[in-house]
Amino acid sequence: MKKEENFSEWYNELVETAGLTDKRYPIKGMNVWPAYGWKIMQYIDSFIRQELDATNHDEVCFPLLIPKTEFQKEKDHIKGFDAEVYWVTHAGLNELDIPLLLRPTSETAMYPMFSIWVRSHGDLPLKIYQLVNTFRYETKQTRAFIRVREIHFFESHTCHVDEADAQRQVEEDFEILEKLMQKLCLPYKLLKRTEWDKFPGAYYTVGIDTAMMRGRSLQLGSIHHYRENFSRPFDIKYEDVDGSTKYVHQTTYGMSERLLGSVVGVHGDDKGLVLPPALAPFQVVIVPILAKGNVEAVTAQARALRDELKAAGVRVTLDESDERPGAKFFKWELKGVPLRLELGARDIEKSMVAYARRDDGKKGSFDRSKVVDEVRSMLEVIAKDMRAKAQKFLDDSIMDVDNMDFKEVPEKWLRFGWCGEQECGRKIEERTELKILGSPYVKEDFHGKCLCCGKETDTVVYAARAM
């Protein structure tokens, strides 16, 4: 299946044939993580942990179940999620006095504890995170990693003395995000959601969006500033230095296994996965080119090359299977291994190692005596080139428009002026059948007119078809 001809079928087939997921588990939208897919997700998790730990967040683990009484404390929150919740009503044969639910997110699980943990200004800022599974009854068509009912999820939750300190946390979250996206080689837009599309209970929400095929957008995660919208119903307050009692200001930052889905969708091609070097379970695969009379010598040299790269910290595998070289190339291209090394008798005679890049197919040779440094350098180049290519795709996916006089809405993200009035925003969404993703968090220079009412405005927004 060709990616450009039918992205949905291409994607659904690839994630299974490449060993990222197994959808045969007997609950729709709750898929099994095979070893290869889980290893990639673990690398993503490790990068998240690395950045959160470096910014003085502490990892925690909260229970899966939330009492209905706690869930109802924040009315806006339950209004946003009540249609997606899985309920637990019985313990064995006994009906529970208070129904329990599987966490859709963890605000209502964590915040009763925050009201116990936070007592004084000395307890702040409180910065915690967890990597857990969340559960939402997704009613739309499910798609592995992108739209599932059991979600592998990262979430950080913070409490602060005031709005300004919470705002500083939001800015730090953006820095954490950029370091993660460098590893994944993914471009993105930070777009402040409209009032009708922000997270229930948030003061404001910033969506993290990237571009997929045919003008589609995929939300990778979101960052929320809550002010006191959760601390008041959950009674999270502290004693300030002057003895007064104040409510904390809060933020959250969440991302999910969609990160892996975006890596597949953005970087993959008709041959299979194209994995960023930082994520690849194997960054290098060595394929020995064997011929009659040189099997032992070439095999010995290939093993020595593997051991040398492994000792240097490169994740490498040697394919010693009985398959022909062409079949091996096909297999590892499907798996997305960033760099293939080929070693045959002629290469050994010349003290060279042949290579092929997965991302662009370019081929060449390394000096055998310098192969470790050459491989490391090439992996860095591959990562840089992958992100540049993805950034160009995102940029090319955006189209400026100043009117809605089109017979068919272009298969692009649309960029246009908006007066800020909800009535105009809703009309634009209805007319274009696109979702307004929001306005750039970092204001873009713009002078134009509202796409709906024609009023002069300096606010620009993006709209797209969501995945």
Protein backbone atom coordinates (compact mmCIF):
# COMPACT_ATOMS: atom_id res chain seq x y z
CA MET A 1 0.00 0.00 0.00
CA LYS A 2 1.32 3.46 -0.97
CA LYS A 3 1.44 6.13 1.74
CA GLU A 4 0.21 8.92 -0.50
CA GLU A 5 -2.57 6.86 -2.09
CA ASN A 6 -4.27 5.68 1.10
CA PHE A 7 -2.60 6.88 4.29
CA SER A 8 -5.05 5.13 6.60
CA GLU A 9 -4.57 1.67 5.09
CA TRP A 10 -0.81 2.22 4.76
CA TYR A 11 -0.56 3.21 8.43
CA ASN A 12 -2.76 0.41 9.77
CA GLU A 13 -0.83 -2.20 7.82
CA LEU A 14 2.61 -0.82 8.68
CA VAL A 15 2.22 -0.64 12.45
CA GLU A 16 1.39 -4.35 12.51
CA THR A 17 3.81 -5.70 9.89
CA ALA A 18 6.68 -3.75 11.48
CA GLY A 19 5.89 -5.25 14.90
CA LEU A 20 4.79 -2.09 16.71
CA THR A 21 1.35 -3.28 17.81
CA ASP A 22 -0.96 -6.29 17.75
CA LYS A 23 -4.64 -5.38 17.46
CA ARG A 24 -5.96 -8.92 17.90
CA TYR A 25 -6.61 -8.51 21.63
CA PRO A 26 -10.36 -9.09 22.15
CA ILE A 27 -11.19 -5.54 23.28
CA LYS A 28 -11.36 -2.95 20.54
CA GLY A 29 -8.95 -0.07 21.05
CA MET A 30 -6.93 -1.92 23.69
CA ASN A 31 -3.95 -3.30 21.83
CA VAL A 32 -0.92 -5.40 22.77
CA TRP A 33 2.57 -3.89 22.69
CA PRO A 34 4.93 -6.43 21.04
CA ALA A 35 8.60 -6.24 22.00
CA TYR A 36 9.76 -4.02 19.12
CA GLY A 37 7.06 -1.39 19.56
CA TRP A 38 7.39 -1.43 23.35
CA LYS A 39 11.17 -0.91 23.10
CA ILE A 40 10.63 2.22 20.99
CA MET A 41 8.02 3.52 23.44
CA GLN A 42 10.41 2.87 26.32
CA TYR A 43 13.02 5.05 24.66
CA ILE A 44 10.45 7.84 24.37
CA ASP A 45 9.57 7.34 28.04
CA SER A 46 13.25 7.46 28.99
CA PHE A 47 13.69 10.82 27.24
CA ILE A 48 10.67 12.20 29.09
CA ARG A 49 12.03 10.97 32.42
CA GLN A 50 15.44 12.42 31.65
CA GLU A 51 14.06 15.90 30.98
CA LEU A 52 11.56 15.89 33.85
CA ASP A 53 14.14 14.67 36.36
CA ALA A 54 16.58 17.34 35.15
CA THR A 55 14.00 20.04 35.92
CA ASN A 56 13.33 18.84 39.47
CA HIS A 57 10.13 16.92 38.85
CA ASP A 58 9.57 13.80 40.96
CA GLU A 59 8.06 10.65 39.49
CA VAL A 60 5.07 9.19 41.33
CA CYS A 61 2.43 6.54 40.71
CA PHE A 62 -1.21 7.07 41.66
CA PRO A 63 -3.97 4.43 41.80
CA LEU A 64 -5.93 3.61 38.67
CA LEU A 65 -9.38 4.00 40.26
CA ILE A 66 -11.01 7.31 41.17
CA PRO A 67 -14.12 7.60 43.38
CA LYS A 68 -17.10 9.22 41.73
CA THR A 69 -17.31 11.66 44.66
CA GLU A 70 -13.86 13.07 43.83
CA PHE A 71 -14.51 13.11 40.10
CA GLN A 72 -17.61 15.26 40.63
CA LYS A 73 -15.81 17.94 42.61
CA GLU A 74 -14.77 19.75 39.45
CA LYS A 75 -17.98 20.18 37.47
CA ASP A 76 -16.36 21.44 34.26
CA HIS A 77 -14.03 18.45 34.29
CA ILE A 78 -16.73 15.81 34.60
CA LYS A 79 -18.82 17.58 31.96
CA GLY A 80 -15.89 17.20 29.59
CA PHE A 81 -15.18 13.55 30.29
CA ASP A 82 -18.32 11.86 31.61
CA ALA A 83 -19.23 10.42 28.18
CA GLU A 84 -15.80 8.77 27.90
CA VAL A 85 -15.50 7.21 31.34
CA TYR A 86 -15.31 3.50 32.18
CA TRP A 87 -17.19 2.81 35.43
CA VAL A 88 -16.60 0.10 38.04
CA THR A 89 -19.83 -0.55 39.91
CA HIS A 90 -19.25 -3.94 41.60
CA ALA A 91 -16.61 -5.60 43.76
CA GLY A 92 -17.21 -9.27 43.13
CA LEU A 93 -20.97 -9.72 43.58
CA ASN A 94 -21.34 -6.68 45.84
CA GLU A 95 -22.52 -3.37 44.43
CA LEU A 96 -20.22 -0.55 45.50
CA ASP A 97 -21.62 2.22 47.67
CA ILE A 98 -19.56 4.74 45.69
CA PRO A 99 -18.93 3.88 42.01
CA LEU A 100 -15.34 4.04 40.82
CA LEU A 101 -13.97 4.99 37.42
CA LEU A 102 -10.81 4.25 35.47
CA ARG A 103 -8.79 7.45 35.24
CA PRO A 104 -9.30 9.39 31.97
CA THR A 105 -6.68 11.82 33.32
CA SER A 106 -5.43 12.17 36.88
CA GLU A 107 -6.49 15.59 38.13
CA THR A 108 -9.27 14.18 40.28
CA ALA A 109 -7.05 11.34 41.48
CA MET A 110 -4.11 13.52 42.49
CA TYR A 111 -5.65 16.70 43.80
CA PRO A 112 -7.27 15.29 46.96
CA MET A 113 -3.73 14.23 47.89
CA PHE A 114 -2.29 17.62 46.94
CA SER A 115 -4.61 19.19 49.51
CA ILE A 116 -2.87 17.01 52.12
CA TRP A 117 0.70 17.40 50.84
CA VAL A 118 0.63 21.19 50.38
CA ARG A 119 0.49 23.13 53.64
CA SER A 120 3.10 25.91 53.49
CA HIS A 121 4.84 28.06 50.89
CA GLY A 122 7.86 25.89 51.68
CA ASP A 123 6.09 22.95 50.01
CA LEU A 124 6.00 24.84 46.71
CA PRO A 125 6.56 24.47 43.91
CA LEU A 126 5.27 20.91 43.88
CA LYS A 127 6.32 19.25 40.60
CA ILE A 128 5.41 15.62 39.97
CA TYR A 129 4.81 13.35 36.99
CA GLN A 130 3.81 9.82 36.15
CA LEU A 131 3.83 7.47 33.16
CA VAL A 132 0.69 5.35 33.34
CA ASN A 133 -2.22 4.05 31.30
CA THR A 134 -5.40 6.10 31.07
CA PHE A 135 -8.77 4.95 29.77
CA ARG A 136 -11.32 6.72 27.61
CA TYR A 137 -14.25 5.22 25.78
CA GLU A 138 -13.36 6.41 22.31
CA THR A 139 -16.46 6.22 20.14
CA LYS A 140 -14.79 7.12 16.84
CA GLN A 141 -12.91 4.64 14.66
CA THR A 142 -9.85 3.49 16.55
CA ARG A 143 -6.32 3.69 15.11
CA ALA A 144 -3.24 2.27 16.82
CA PHE A 145 -1.40 4.85 18.96
CA ILE A 146 -3.49 7.71 17.59
CA ARG A 147 -7.02 6.91 18.75
CA VAL A 148 -7.23 4.11 21.32
CA ARG A 149 -9.19 3.33 24.47
CA GLU A 150 -6.29 2.35 26.69
CA ILE A 151 -3.66 5.07 26.36
CA HIS A 152 -0.02 4.95 27.41
CA PHE A 153 0.24 8.42 28.90
CA PHE A 154 2.70 10.88 30.42
CA GLU A 155 1.40 13.65 32.65
CA SER A 156 3.09 16.22 34.86
CA HIS A 157 1.19 18.19 37.50
CA THR A 158 2.56 21.22 39.31
CA CYS A 159 1.47 23.61 42.09
CA HIS A 160 2.80 27.15 42.49
CA VAL A 161 2.55 30.15 44.79
CA ASP A 162 1.01 32.40 42.15
CA GLU A 163 0.05 32.77 38.50
CA ALA A 164 3.44 34.13 37.49
CA ASP A 165 5.31 31.12 38.86
CA ALA A 166 2.84 28.79 37.14
CA GLN A 167 3.48 30.69 33.92
CA ARG A 168 7.22 30.12 34.33
CA GLN A 169 6.45 26.41 34.55
CA VAL A 170 4.57 26.55 31.26
CA GLU A 171 7.63 28.15 29.64
CA GLU A 172 9.84 25.41 31.09
CA ASP A 173 7.47 22.81 29.63
CA PHE A 174 8.09 24.27 26.19
CA GLU A 175 11.83 23.83 26.68
CA ILE A 176 11.31 20.21 27.75
CA LEU A 177 9.12 19.66 24.70
CA GLU A 178 11.73 20.99 22.27
CA LYS A 179 14.43 18.68 23.64
CA LEU A 180 12.08 15.71 23.25
CA MET A 181 11.09 16.70 19.72
CA GLN A 182 14.76 16.89 18.73
CA LYS A 183 15.04 13.20 19.63
CA LEU A 184 11.90 12.33 17.66
CA CYS A 185 12.91 14.58 14.73
CA LEU A 186 9.41 16.07 14.75
CA PRO A 187 8.36 19.64 13.95
CA TYR A 188 5.30 21.11 15.68
CA LYS A 189 3.21 24.19 16.26
CA LEU A 190 2.28 25.56 19.69
CA LEU A 191 -1.28 26.76 19.27
CA LYS A 192 -3.40 28.33 21.98
CA ARG A 193 -6.78 26.64 21.81
CA THR A 194 -10.04 28.51 21.47
CA GLU A 195 -12.22 28.95 24.54
CA TRP A 196 -14.60 26.24 23.32
CA ASP A 197 -11.80 23.78 22.65
CA LYS A 198 -9.58 24.21 25.70
CA PHE A 199 -9.23 21.47 28.33
CA PRO A 200 -12.25 21.41 30.67
CA GLY A 201 -11.38 23.50 33.72
CA ALA A 202 -8.29 25.15 32.21
CA TYR A 203 -7.60 28.89 32.20
CA TYR A 204 -5.92 28.30 28.83
CA THR A 205 -4.65 25.33 26.84
CA VAL A 206 -1.75 25.16 24.40
CA GLY A 207 -2.01 22.33 21.90
CA ILE A 208 1.08 20.71 20.40
CA ASP A 209 0.25 19.92 16.77
CA THR A 210 2.10 18.40 13.83
CA ALA A 211 1.14 17.83 10.20
CA MET A 212 0.19 14.50 8.66
CA MET A 213 -0.75 13.56 5.10
CA ARG A 214 -3.32 15.51 3.06
CA GLY A 215 -3.56 18.48 5.39
CA ARG A 216 -4.43 16.50 8.48
CA SER A 217 -3.27 17.62 11.92
CA LEU A 218 -2.34 15.42 14.84
CA GLN A 219 -2.34 16.73 18.39
CA LEU A 220 0.76 15.31 20.12
CA GLY A 221 -0.08 16.66 23.54
CA SER A 222 -1.10 19.75 25.46
CA ILE A 223 0.00 22.11 28.21
CA HIS A 224 -2.54 23.72 30.52
CA HIS A 225 -2.48 26.68 32.89
CA TYR A 226 -5.24 26.24 35.47
CA ARG A 227 -4.87 29.29 37.73
CA GLU A 228 -7.03 28.35 40.76
CA ASN A 229 -9.69 26.46 38.81
CA PHE A 230 -8.81 23.12 40.41
CA SER A 231 -7.24 24.23 43.68
CA ARG A 232 -10.49 25.83 44.89
CA PRO A 233 -12.80 22.80 44.46
CA PHE A 234 -10.09 20.50 45.83
CA ASP A 235 -9.07 22.90 48.61
CA ILE A 236 -5.36 22.98 47.74
CA LYS A 237 -4.01 25.98 49.65
CA TYR A 238 -0.95 27.05 51.58
CA GLU A 239 0.16 29.45 54.28
CA ASP A 240 2.19 32.29 52.79
CA VAL A 241 5.18 34.00 54.44
CA ASP A 242 2.89 36.72 55.82
CA GLY A 243 0.63 34.13 57.46
CA SER A 244 -2.22 34.49 54.96
CA THR A 245 -3.82 31.46 53.33
CA LYS A 246 -3.84 31.28 49.53
CA TYR A 247 -4.89 28.83 46.86
CA VAL A 248 -2.15 27.40 44.66
CA HIS A 249 -1.95 27.98 40.92
CA GLN A 250 -1.53 24.82 38.86
CA THR A 251 -0.32 23.53 35.50
CA THR A 252 -0.35 20.22 33.70
CA TYR A 253 1.53 18.84 30.70
CA GLY A 254 0.41 15.67 28.95
CA MET A 255 1.52 13.55 26.00
CA SER A 256 0.76 10.00 24.97
CA GLU A 257 1.66 7.11 22.70
CA ARG A 258 0.54 9.38 19.88
CA LEU A 259 4.19 10.38 19.83
CA LEU A 260 4.98 6.97 18.35
CA GLY A 261 2.07 7.22 15.94
CA SER A 262 3.37 10.58 14.74
CA VAL A 263 6.87 9.15 14.17
CA VAL A 264 5.31 6.44 11.99
CA GLY A 265 3.07 8.85 10.09
CA VAL A 266 5.55 11.68 9.57
CA HIS A 267 8.74 9.76 8.80
CA GLY A 268 7.53 6.42 7.37
CA ASP A 269 7.53 5.69 3.64
CA ASP A 270 6.40 3.00 1.21
CA LYS A 271 9.20 0.67 2.38
CA GLY A 272 8.18 0.85 6.04
CA LEU A 273 9.28 2.65 9.17
CA VAL A 274 11.95 5.34 9.16
CA LEU A 275 13.08 5.63 12.78
CA PRO A 276 15.02 8.55 14.24
CA PRO A 277 18.37 7.22 15.52
CA ALA A 278 17.53 8.08 19.13
CA LEU A 279 14.41 5.87 19.05
CA ALA A 280 15.65 2.90 17.04
CA PRO A 281 16.04 -0.35 19.00
CA PHE A 282 18.86 -1.01 16.53
CA GLN A 283 20.59 2.06 15.14
CA VAL A 284 22.76 -0.06 12.85
CA VAL A 285 22.26 -3.43 11.19
CA ILE A 286 25.25 -5.29 9.74
CA VAL A 287 24.54 -7.52 6.75
CA PRO A 288 27.46 -9.79 5.80
CA ILE A 289 27.73 -10.41 2.06
CA LEU A 290 28.75 -14.05 1.91
CA ALA A 291 30.04 -16.09 -1.00
CA LYS A 292 31.40 -19.58 -1.36
CA GLY A 293 34.88 -19.78 0.11
CA ASN A 294 34.72 -16.62 2.24
CA VAL A 295 31.92 -17.38 4.73
CA GLU A 296 34.13 -17.86 7.78
CA ALA A 297 36.39 -14.87 7.08
CA VAL A 298 33.57 -12.45 6.36
CA THR A 299 31.53 -13.68 9.32
CA ALA A 300 34.49 -13.21 11.65
CA GLN A 301 35.03 -9.64 10.39
CA ALA A 302 31.32 -8.83 10.66
CA ARG A 303 31.25 -10.04 14.26
CA ALA A 304 34.34 -7.98 15.07
CA LEU A 305 32.64 -4.91 13.54
CA ARG A 306 29.51 -5.57 15.60
CA ASP A 307 31.51 -5.90 18.82
CA GLU A 308 33.45 -2.71 18.09
CA LEU A 309 30.31 -0.67 17.52
CA LYS A 310 28.58 -2.21 20.53
CA ALA A 311 31.55 -1.36 22.76
CA ALA A 312 31.29 2.24 21.54
CA GLY A 313 27.66 2.44 22.69
CA VAL A 314 25.98 2.04 19.30
CA ARG A 315 22.85 -0.13 19.30
CA VAL A 316 23.76 -2.67 16.63
CA THR A 317 22.60 -6.06 15.41
CA LEU A 318 24.29 -8.54 13.07
CA ASP A 319 21.94 -10.42 10.76
CA GLU A 320 23.40 -13.92 10.50
CA SER A 321 20.19 -15.52 9.27
CA ASP A 322 20.14 -17.79 6.21
CA GLU A 323 18.14 -15.30 4.16
CA ARG A 324 19.56 -13.72 1.04
CA PRO A 325 20.96 -10.18 1.38
CA GLY A 326 17.99 -8.71 -0.52
CA ALA A 327 15.51 -10.26 1.90
CA LYS A 328 17.53 -8.93 4.83
CA PHE A 329 17.57 -5.44 3.33
CA PHE A 330 13.79 -5.58 2.95
CA LYS A 331 13.26 -6.76 6.53
CA TRP A 332 15.40 -4.09 8.16
CA GLU A 333 14.05 -1.34 5.93
CA LEU A 334 10.57 -2.32 7.11
CA LYS A 335 11.80 -2.08 10.71
CA GLY A 336 13.20 1.39 10.06
CA VAL A 337 16.82 0.80 11.14
CA PRO A 338 18.59 4.12 10.40
CA LEU A 339 21.86 2.76 8.99
CA ARG A 340 22.75 -0.48 7.22
CA LEU A 341 26.35 -1.64 6.98
CA GLU A 342 27.37 -4.23 4.40
CA LEU A 343 30.59 -6.20 4.63
CA GLY A 344 31.86 -8.57 1.96
CA ALA A 345 35.20 -9.92 0.80
CA ARG A 346 35.91 -6.94 -1.47
CA ASP A 347 35.12 -4.48 1.33
CA ILE A 348 37.53 -6.31 3.62
CA GLU A 349 40.27 -6.23 0.96
CA LYS A 350 39.84 -2.47 0.58
CA SER A 351 39.53 -1.92 4.36
CA MET A 352 36.12 -0.34 3.77
CA VAL A 353 32.56 -0.84 5.00
CA ALA A 354 29.64 -0.10 2.67
CA TYR A 355 26.61 1.75 4.09
CA ALA A 356 23.06 2.65 3.12
CA ARG A 357 20.95 5.28 4.88
CA ARG A 358 17.33 4.39 5.61
CA ASP A 359 16.02 7.96 5.56
CA ASP A 360 17.05 8.96 2.04
CA GLY A 361 18.54 5.78 0.57
CA LYS A 362 21.97 7.31 -0.02
CA LYS A 363 24.86 4.85 -0.17
CA GLY A 364 28.60 5.08 0.31
CA SER A 365 31.56 3.62 2.19
CA PHE A 366 33.34 4.20 5.48
CA ASP A 367 37.01 3.72 6.16
CA ARG A 368 37.15 0.57 8.30
CA SER A 369 39.69 2.10 10.69
CA LYS A 370 37.38 5.08 11.33
CA VAL A 371 34.05 3.27 11.26
CA VAL A 372 32.95 4.08 14.83
CA ASP A 373 33.41 7.84 14.39
CA GLU A 374 31.91 7.68 10.91
CA VAL A 375 28.81 5.84 12.13
CA ARG A 376 28.28 8.23 15.04
CA SER A 377 28.62 11.22 12.72
CA MET A 378 26.26 9.70 10.16
CA LEU A 379 23.58 9.02 12.78
CA GLU A 380 23.74 12.68 13.79
CA VAL A 381 23.40 13.76 10.16
CA ILE A 382 20.45 11.42 9.66
CA ALA A 383 18.62 12.88 12.67
CA LYS A 384 19.27 16.44 11.50
CA ASP A 385 18.14 15.69 7.95
CA MET A 386 15.01 13.85 9.13
CA ARG A 387 13.84 16.80 11.18
CA ALA A 388 14.60 19.25 8.38
CA LYS A 389 12.60 17.14 5.92
CA ALA A 390 9.67 16.89 8.35
CA GLN A 391 9.81 20.65 9.01
CA LYS A 392 9.61 21.33 5.28
CA PHE A 393 6.60 19.01 5.05
CA LEU A 394 4.88 20.94 7.86
CA ASP A 395 5.69 24.30 6.26
CA ASP A 396 4.46 23.11 2.85
CA SER A 397 1.23 21.85 4.47
CA ILE A 398 0.19 25.40 5.43
CA MET A 399 -1.78 27.67 3.10
CA ASP A 400 -2.69 31.32 3.71
CA VAL A 401 -6.28 32.24 2.78
CA ASP A 402 -8.20 35.50 3.02
CA ASN A 403 -11.66 34.30 1.94
CA MET A 404 -13.85 31.20 1.92
CA ASP A 405 -14.72 31.35 -1.76
CA PHE A 406 -13.54 27.86 -2.64
CA LYS A 407 -15.61 25.03 -4.05
CA GLU A 408 -13.55 22.43 -2.22
CA VAL A 409 -11.53 23.11 0.90
CA PRO A 410 -7.83 22.54 0.10
CA GLU A 411 -6.14 19.51 1.70
CA LYS A 412 -3.95 21.87 3.71
CA TRP A 413 -3.76 23.56 7.06
CA LEU A 414 -5.38 26.96 6.54
CA ARG A 415 -3.86 30.09 8.07
CA PHE A 416 -6.11 33.16 8.26
CA GLY A 417 -7.24 36.15 10.27
CA TRP A 418 -9.88 35.89 12.97
CA CYS A 419 -11.56 38.62 14.98
CA GLY A 420 -11.65 36.44 18.11
CA GLU A 421 -15.44 36.22 18.35
CA GLN A 422 -16.75 32.71 18.99
CA GLU A 423 -19.65 33.25 16.58
CA CYS A 424 -17.23 33.90 13.71
CA GLY A 425 -15.02 31.00 14.74
CA ARG A 426 -17.95 28.60 14.76
CA LYS A 427 -19.14 29.81 11.34
CA ILE A 428 -15.67 29.32 9.88
CA GLU A 429 -15.53 25.77 11.24
CA GLU A 430 -18.98 24.99 9.84
CA ARG A 431 -18.22 26.48 6.42
CA THR A 432 -14.81 24.82 6.00
CA GLU A 433 -15.50 21.64 8.01
CA LEU A 434 -12.11 22.22 9.61
CA LYS A 435 -11.22 22.55 13.27
CA ILE A 436 -9.65 25.80 14.41
CA LEU A 437 -6.47 24.63 16.13
CA GLY A 438 -5.86 28.02 17.67
CA SER A 439 -3.55 31.00 17.50
CA PRO A 440 0.25 30.76 17.75
CA TYR A 441 1.42 30.84 21.35
CA VAL A 442 4.31 33.01 20.20
CA LYS A 443 2.47 35.74 18.35
CA GLU A 444 3.08 35.85 14.60
CA ASP A 445 3.19 39.17 12.77
CA PHE A 446 -0.12 39.46 10.96
CA HIS A 447 -2.31 42.25 9.62
CA GLY A 448 -5.49 41.31 7.81
CA LYS A 449 -9.19 40.73 8.12
CA CYS A 450 -11.34 38.15 9.88
CA LEU A 451 -12.12 35.36 7.45
CA CYS A 452 -15.78 35.49 8.50
CA CYS A 453 -16.85 39.06 9.28
CA GLY A 454 -14.09 41.01 7.55
CA LYS A 455 -13.15 43.03 10.63
CA GLU A 456 -9.53 44.22 10.75
CA THR A 457 -7.43 41.99 13.03
CA ASP A 458 -3.86 41.19 13.97
CA THR A 459 -4.81 37.71 15.23
CA VAL A 460 -3.98 34.78 12.99
CA VAL A 461 -5.19 31.23 13.54
CA TYR A 462 -4.65 27.80 11.99
CA ALA A 463 -7.33 25.31 11.05
CA ALA A 464 -7.09 21.73 9.79
CA ARG A 465 -8.80 18.38 9.58
CA ALA A 466 -7.89 16.48 12.74
CA MET A 467 -6.73 12.88 12.61
